[in-house]
């Protein structure tokens, strides 16, 4: 079973598989922004689509709470690039190299 939750104390979204931590997406809250700083999936869990599920859940949570997103994490930035339905979440002040978003 896959479970994704916001661990508010740790400031990260965590994805667990059968109760075991499989990965996380670190964030920082800045005013009305959720700044994603790092995403990681454990080696033994790679190739199962868990990173995508984690990114989607984290971005959906930002949308649900009315926050814009600053994708400092390259994984989140590339996920948004591949899933343009999340592009409207990117904060207007965010500047990035042309190939990131």
N, C-alpha and C. Protein backbone atom coordinates (compact mmCIF):
# COMPACT_ATOMS: atom_id res chain seq x y z
N UNK A 1 0.84 -1.17 0.00
CA UNK A 1 0.00 0.00 0.00
C UNK A 1 0.89 1.24 0.00
N UNK A 2 0.50 2.24 -0.80
CA UNK A 2 1.23 3.50 -0.91
C UNK A 2 0.48 4.57 -0.14
N UNK A 3 1.22 5.31 0.68
CA UNK A 3 0.64 6.41 1.45
C UNK A 3 1.53 7.64 1.29
N UNK A 4 0.90 8.78 0.99
CA UNK A 4 1.62 10.04 0.87
C UNK A 4 1.02 11.01 1.87
N UNK A 5 1.89 11.65 2.65
CA UNK A 5 1.41 12.58 3.67
C UNK A 5 2.39 13.74 3.83
N UNK A 6 1.85 14.86 4.27
CA UNK A 6 2.67 16.03 4.58
C UNK A 6 3.14 15.89 6.02
N UNK A 7 4.43 15.73 6.21
CA UNK A 7 5.03 15.69 7.54
C UNK A 7 5.39 17.14 7.87
N UNK A 8 4.46 17.85 8.47
CA UNK A 8 4.60 19.29 8.71
C UNK A 8 5.82 19.58 9.58
N UNK A 9 6.05 18.77 10.60
CA UNK A 9 7.18 19.00 11.49
C UNK A 9 8.52 18.91 10.76
N UNK A 10 8.63 17.97 9.82
CA UNK A 10 9.87 17.79 9.06
C UNK A 10 9.90 18.68 7.82
N UNK A 11 8.79 19.35 7.52
CA UNK A 11 8.66 20.20 6.33
C UNK A 11 8.97 19.42 5.05
N UNK A 12 8.26 18.31 4.93
CA UNK A 12 8.42 17.51 3.72
C UNK A 12 7.21 16.60 3.52
N UNK A 13 6.96 16.32 2.26
CA UNK A 13 5.97 15.31 1.90
C UNK A 13 6.70 13.98 1.87
N UNK A 14 6.09 12.96 2.44
CA UNK A 14 6.72 11.65 2.49
C UNK A 14 5.83 10.63 1.78
N UNK A 15 6.48 9.73 1.07
CA UNK A 15 5.77 8.62 0.45
C UNK A 15 6.27 7.33 1.11
N UNK A 16 5.31 6.53 1.55
CA UNK A 16 5.63 5.27 2.20
C UNK A 16 5.00 4.13 1.42
N UNK A 17 5.72 3.03 1.36
CA UNK A 17 5.24 1.81 0.72
C UNK A 17 5.21 0.73 1.80
N UNK A 18 4.03 0.23 2.05
CA UNK A 18 3.86 -0.79 3.10
C UNK A 18 4.49 -0.33 4.42
N UNK A 19 4.31 0.95 4.74
CA UNK A 19 4.79 1.49 6.00
C UNK A 19 6.25 1.90 6.01
N UNK A 20 6.97 1.63 4.95
CA UNK A 20 8.40 1.97 4.87
C UNK A 20 8.59 3.26 4.08
N UNK A 21 9.41 4.15 4.60
CA UNK A 21 9.69 5.41 3.91
C UNK A 21 10.40 5.12 2.60
N UNK A 22 9.78 5.54 1.50
CA UNK A 22 10.34 5.32 0.17
C UNK A 22 10.95 6.58 -0.41
N UNK A 23 10.50 7.74 0.06
CA UNK A 23 11.03 8.99 -0.47
C UNK A 23 10.37 10.18 0.17
N UNK A 24 10.86 11.36 -0.22
CA UNK A 24 10.34 12.60 0.35
C UNK A 24 10.61 13.77 -0.59
N UNK A 25 9.84 14.84 -0.39
CA UNK A 25 10.03 16.11 -1.09
C UNK A 25 10.09 17.21 -0.03
N UNK A 26 11.29 17.75 0.19
CA UNK A 26 11.47 18.83 1.17
C UNK A 26 10.90 20.13 0.63
N UNK A 27 10.36 20.93 1.54
CA UNK A 27 9.86 22.25 1.15
C UNK A 27 10.07 23.24 2.28
N UNK A 28 9.98 24.50 1.94
CA UNK A 28 9.97 25.59 2.90
C UNK A 28 8.80 26.49 2.55
N UNK A 29 8.13 26.99 3.56
CA UNK A 29 7.03 27.93 3.32
C UNK A 29 7.56 29.34 3.46
N UNK A 30 7.30 30.16 2.46
CA UNK A 30 7.71 31.55 2.43
C UNK A 30 6.51 32.38 2.01
N UNK A 31 5.90 33.08 2.97
CA UNK A 31 4.70 33.88 2.70
C UNK A 31 3.64 32.97 2.06
N UNK A 32 3.26 33.26 0.86
CA UNK A 32 2.22 32.48 0.15
C UNK A 32 2.84 31.47 -0.82
N UNK A 33 4.10 31.08 -0.56
CA UNK A 33 4.83 30.21 -1.48
C UNK A 33 5.29 28.92 -0.80
N UNK A 34 5.24 27.84 -1.56
CA UNK A 34 5.84 26.58 -1.13
C UNK A 34 7.08 26.40 -2.00
N UNK A 35 8.24 26.48 -1.38
CA UNK A 35 9.51 26.38 -2.08
C UNK A 35 10.02 24.94 -1.94
N UNK A 36 10.03 24.20 -3.05
CA UNK A 36 10.54 22.83 -3.04
C UNK A 36 12.05 22.87 -3.22
N UNK A 37 12.76 22.23 -2.28
CA UNK A 37 14.22 22.31 -2.28
C UNK A 37 14.91 21.01 -2.65
N UNK A 38 14.27 19.88 -2.40
CA UNK A 38 14.94 18.60 -2.68
C UNK A 38 13.90 17.48 -2.68
N UNK A 39 14.05 16.56 -3.63
CA UNK A 39 13.19 15.38 -3.68
C UNK A 39 14.10 14.16 -3.81
N UNK A 40 13.75 13.12 -3.11
CA UNK A 40 14.58 11.92 -3.13
C UNK A 40 13.71 10.67 -3.00
N UNK A 41 14.02 9.67 -3.83
CA UNK A 41 13.39 8.35 -3.73
C UNK A 41 14.51 7.36 -3.44
N UNK A 42 14.30 6.49 -2.47
CA UNK A 42 15.31 5.49 -2.12
C UNK A 42 15.62 4.57 -3.29
N UNK A 43 16.87 4.16 -3.36
CA UNK A 43 17.33 3.31 -4.47
C UNK A 43 16.45 2.10 -4.71
N UNK A 44 16.05 1.44 -3.64
CA UNK A 44 15.26 0.22 -3.81
C UNK A 44 13.85 0.47 -4.30
N UNK A 45 13.42 1.75 -4.31
CA UNK A 45 12.06 2.10 -4.74
C UNK A 45 12.03 2.79 -6.11
N UNK A 46 13.19 3.01 -6.70
CA UNK A 46 13.24 3.70 -7.99
C UNK A 46 12.61 2.84 -9.09
N UNK A 47 12.11 3.53 -10.12
CA UNK A 47 11.54 2.84 -11.26
C UNK A 47 10.11 2.35 -11.06
N UNK A 48 9.48 2.79 -9.97
CA UNK A 48 8.11 2.36 -9.68
C UNK A 48 7.10 3.49 -9.83
N UNK A 49 7.56 4.66 -10.31
CA UNK A 49 6.66 5.79 -10.48
C UNK A 49 6.33 6.53 -9.20
N UNK A 50 7.06 6.23 -8.13
CA UNK A 50 6.75 6.84 -6.84
C UNK A 50 7.10 8.34 -6.81
N UNK A 51 8.16 8.73 -7.50
CA UNK A 51 8.53 10.14 -7.55
C UNK A 51 7.43 10.98 -8.17
N UNK A 52 6.83 10.49 -9.22
CA UNK A 52 5.73 11.19 -9.87
C UNK A 52 4.51 11.30 -8.97
N UNK A 53 4.20 10.21 -8.28
CA UNK A 53 3.06 10.23 -7.35
C UNK A 53 3.31 11.24 -6.22
N UNK A 54 4.54 11.26 -5.73
CA UNK A 54 4.91 12.19 -4.67
C UNK A 54 4.82 13.63 -5.15
N UNK A 55 5.37 13.91 -6.32
CA UNK A 55 5.33 15.27 -6.87
C UNK A 55 3.89 15.72 -7.08
N UNK A 56 3.06 14.88 -7.67
CA UNK A 56 1.66 15.24 -7.92
C UNK A 56 0.93 15.54 -6.61
N UNK A 57 1.14 14.71 -5.59
CA UNK A 57 0.46 14.92 -4.32
C UNK A 57 0.92 16.23 -3.67
N UNK A 58 2.21 16.52 -3.73
CA UNK A 58 2.74 17.75 -3.13
C UNK A 58 2.20 18.97 -3.88
N UNK A 59 2.17 18.91 -5.19
CA UNK A 59 1.66 20.04 -5.99
C UNK A 59 0.15 20.20 -5.80
N UNK A 60 -0.56 19.11 -5.70
CA UNK A 60 -2.00 19.18 -5.43
C UNK A 60 -2.26 19.83 -4.07
N UNK A 61 -1.43 19.49 -3.08
CA UNK A 61 -1.58 20.08 -1.75
C UNK A 61 -1.34 21.58 -1.79
N UNK A 62 -0.34 22.01 -2.55
CA UNK A 62 -0.08 23.44 -2.70
C UNK A 62 -1.28 24.13 -3.32
N UNK A 63 -1.83 23.52 -4.36
CA UNK A 63 -3.02 24.09 -5.01
C UNK A 63 -4.19 24.17 -4.03
N UNK A 64 -4.42 23.09 -3.30
CA UNK A 64 -5.55 23.03 -2.36
C UNK A 64 -5.46 24.08 -1.26
N UNK A 65 -4.25 24.47 -0.89
CA UNK A 65 -4.08 25.46 0.17
C UNK A 65 -3.87 26.87 -0.38
N UNK A 66 -3.93 27.03 -1.70
CA UNK A 66 -3.83 28.35 -2.30
C UNK A 66 -2.42 28.91 -2.38
N UNK A 67 -1.42 28.03 -2.31
CA UNK A 67 -0.03 28.48 -2.39
C UNK A 67 0.50 28.41 -3.81
N UNK A 68 1.40 29.32 -4.14
CA UNK A 68 2.15 29.18 -5.38
C UNK A 68 3.39 28.35 -5.07
N UNK A 69 4.07 27.91 -6.12
CA UNK A 69 5.19 26.99 -5.99
C UNK A 69 6.46 27.61 -6.56
N UNK A 70 7.57 27.41 -5.86
CA UNK A 70 8.88 27.78 -6.36
C UNK A 70 9.68 26.47 -6.44
N UNK A 71 9.85 25.92 -7.66
CA UNK A 71 10.50 24.62 -7.81
C UNK A 71 12.03 24.71 -7.87
N UNK A 72 12.66 24.96 -6.74
CA UNK A 72 14.13 24.99 -6.68
C UNK A 72 14.71 23.59 -6.88
N UNK A 73 13.92 22.59 -6.60
CA UNK A 73 14.31 21.20 -6.79
C UNK A 73 14.17 20.84 -8.27
N UNK A 74 15.22 20.29 -8.86
CA UNK A 74 15.18 19.97 -10.29
C UNK A 74 14.14 18.90 -10.62
N UNK A 75 13.88 17.97 -9.71
CA UNK A 75 12.87 16.94 -9.97
C UNK A 75 11.49 17.56 -10.08
N UNK A 76 11.13 18.42 -9.13
CA UNK A 76 9.82 19.07 -9.17
C UNK A 76 9.71 19.96 -10.40
N UNK A 77 10.78 20.69 -10.73
CA UNK A 77 10.77 21.55 -11.92
C UNK A 77 10.54 20.73 -13.18
N UNK A 78 11.23 19.60 -13.32
CA UNK A 78 11.05 18.79 -14.53
C UNK A 78 9.68 18.11 -14.54
N UNK A 79 9.15 17.78 -13.37
CA UNK A 79 7.80 17.20 -13.32
C UNK A 79 6.78 18.22 -13.82
N UNK A 80 6.91 19.46 -13.39
CA UNK A 80 6.00 20.51 -13.85
C UNK A 80 6.13 20.70 -15.36
N UNK A 81 7.34 20.64 -15.87
CA UNK A 81 7.55 20.79 -17.31
C UNK A 81 6.84 19.68 -18.08
N UNK A 82 6.86 18.46 -17.55
CA UNK A 82 6.21 17.32 -18.21
C UNK A 82 4.71 17.29 -17.97
N UNK A 83 4.23 18.02 -16.98
CA UNK A 83 2.81 18.04 -16.62
C UNK A 83 2.33 19.50 -16.55
N UNK A 84 2.06 20.10 -17.70
CA UNK A 84 1.73 21.53 -17.76
C UNK A 84 0.48 21.92 -16.99
N UNK A 85 -0.31 20.95 -16.55
CA UNK A 85 -1.48 21.29 -15.74
C UNK A 85 -1.08 21.88 -14.39
N UNK A 86 0.20 21.78 -14.05
CA UNK A 86 0.70 22.38 -12.81
C UNK A 86 1.45 23.70 -13.04
N UNK A 87 1.63 24.10 -14.29
CA UNK A 87 2.41 25.31 -14.60
C UNK A 87 1.82 26.57 -13.97
N UNK A 88 0.50 26.61 -13.81
CA UNK A 88 -0.13 27.80 -13.23
C UNK A 88 0.22 27.97 -11.75
N UNK A 89 0.77 26.95 -11.11
CA UNK A 89 1.16 27.05 -9.71
C UNK A 89 2.48 27.77 -9.51
N UNK A 90 3.31 27.81 -10.55
CA UNK A 90 4.65 28.39 -10.41
C UNK A 90 4.54 29.88 -10.15
N UNK A 91 5.18 30.32 -9.08
CA UNK A 91 5.14 31.71 -8.67
C UNK A 91 5.73 32.61 -9.76
N UNK A 92 5.09 33.74 -10.01
CA UNK A 92 5.52 34.66 -11.06
C UNK A 92 6.94 35.18 -10.83
N UNK A 93 7.38 35.23 -9.58
CA UNK A 93 8.71 35.75 -9.29
C UNK A 93 9.81 34.74 -9.57
N UNK A 94 9.44 33.49 -9.82
CA UNK A 94 10.45 32.45 -10.03
C UNK A 94 11.11 32.61 -11.39
N UNK A 95 12.41 32.66 -11.39
CA UNK A 95 13.17 32.70 -12.65
C UNK A 95 14.02 31.44 -12.72
N UNK A 96 14.12 30.90 -13.90
CA UNK A 96 14.81 29.64 -14.07
C UNK A 96 15.50 29.62 -15.42
N UNK A 97 16.52 28.79 -15.57
CA UNK A 97 17.10 28.60 -16.90
C UNK A 97 16.04 28.08 -17.86
N UNK A 98 16.17 28.41 -19.12
CA UNK A 98 15.16 28.04 -20.12
C UNK A 98 14.86 26.55 -20.17
N UNK A 99 15.84 25.71 -19.85
CA UNK A 99 15.62 24.27 -19.98
C UNK A 99 14.98 23.64 -18.75
N UNK A 100 14.79 24.39 -17.66
CA UNK A 100 14.22 23.79 -16.46
C UNK A 100 12.70 23.72 -16.51
N UNK A 101 12.05 24.80 -16.94
CA UNK A 101 10.58 24.78 -17.01
C UNK A 101 10.08 25.13 -18.36
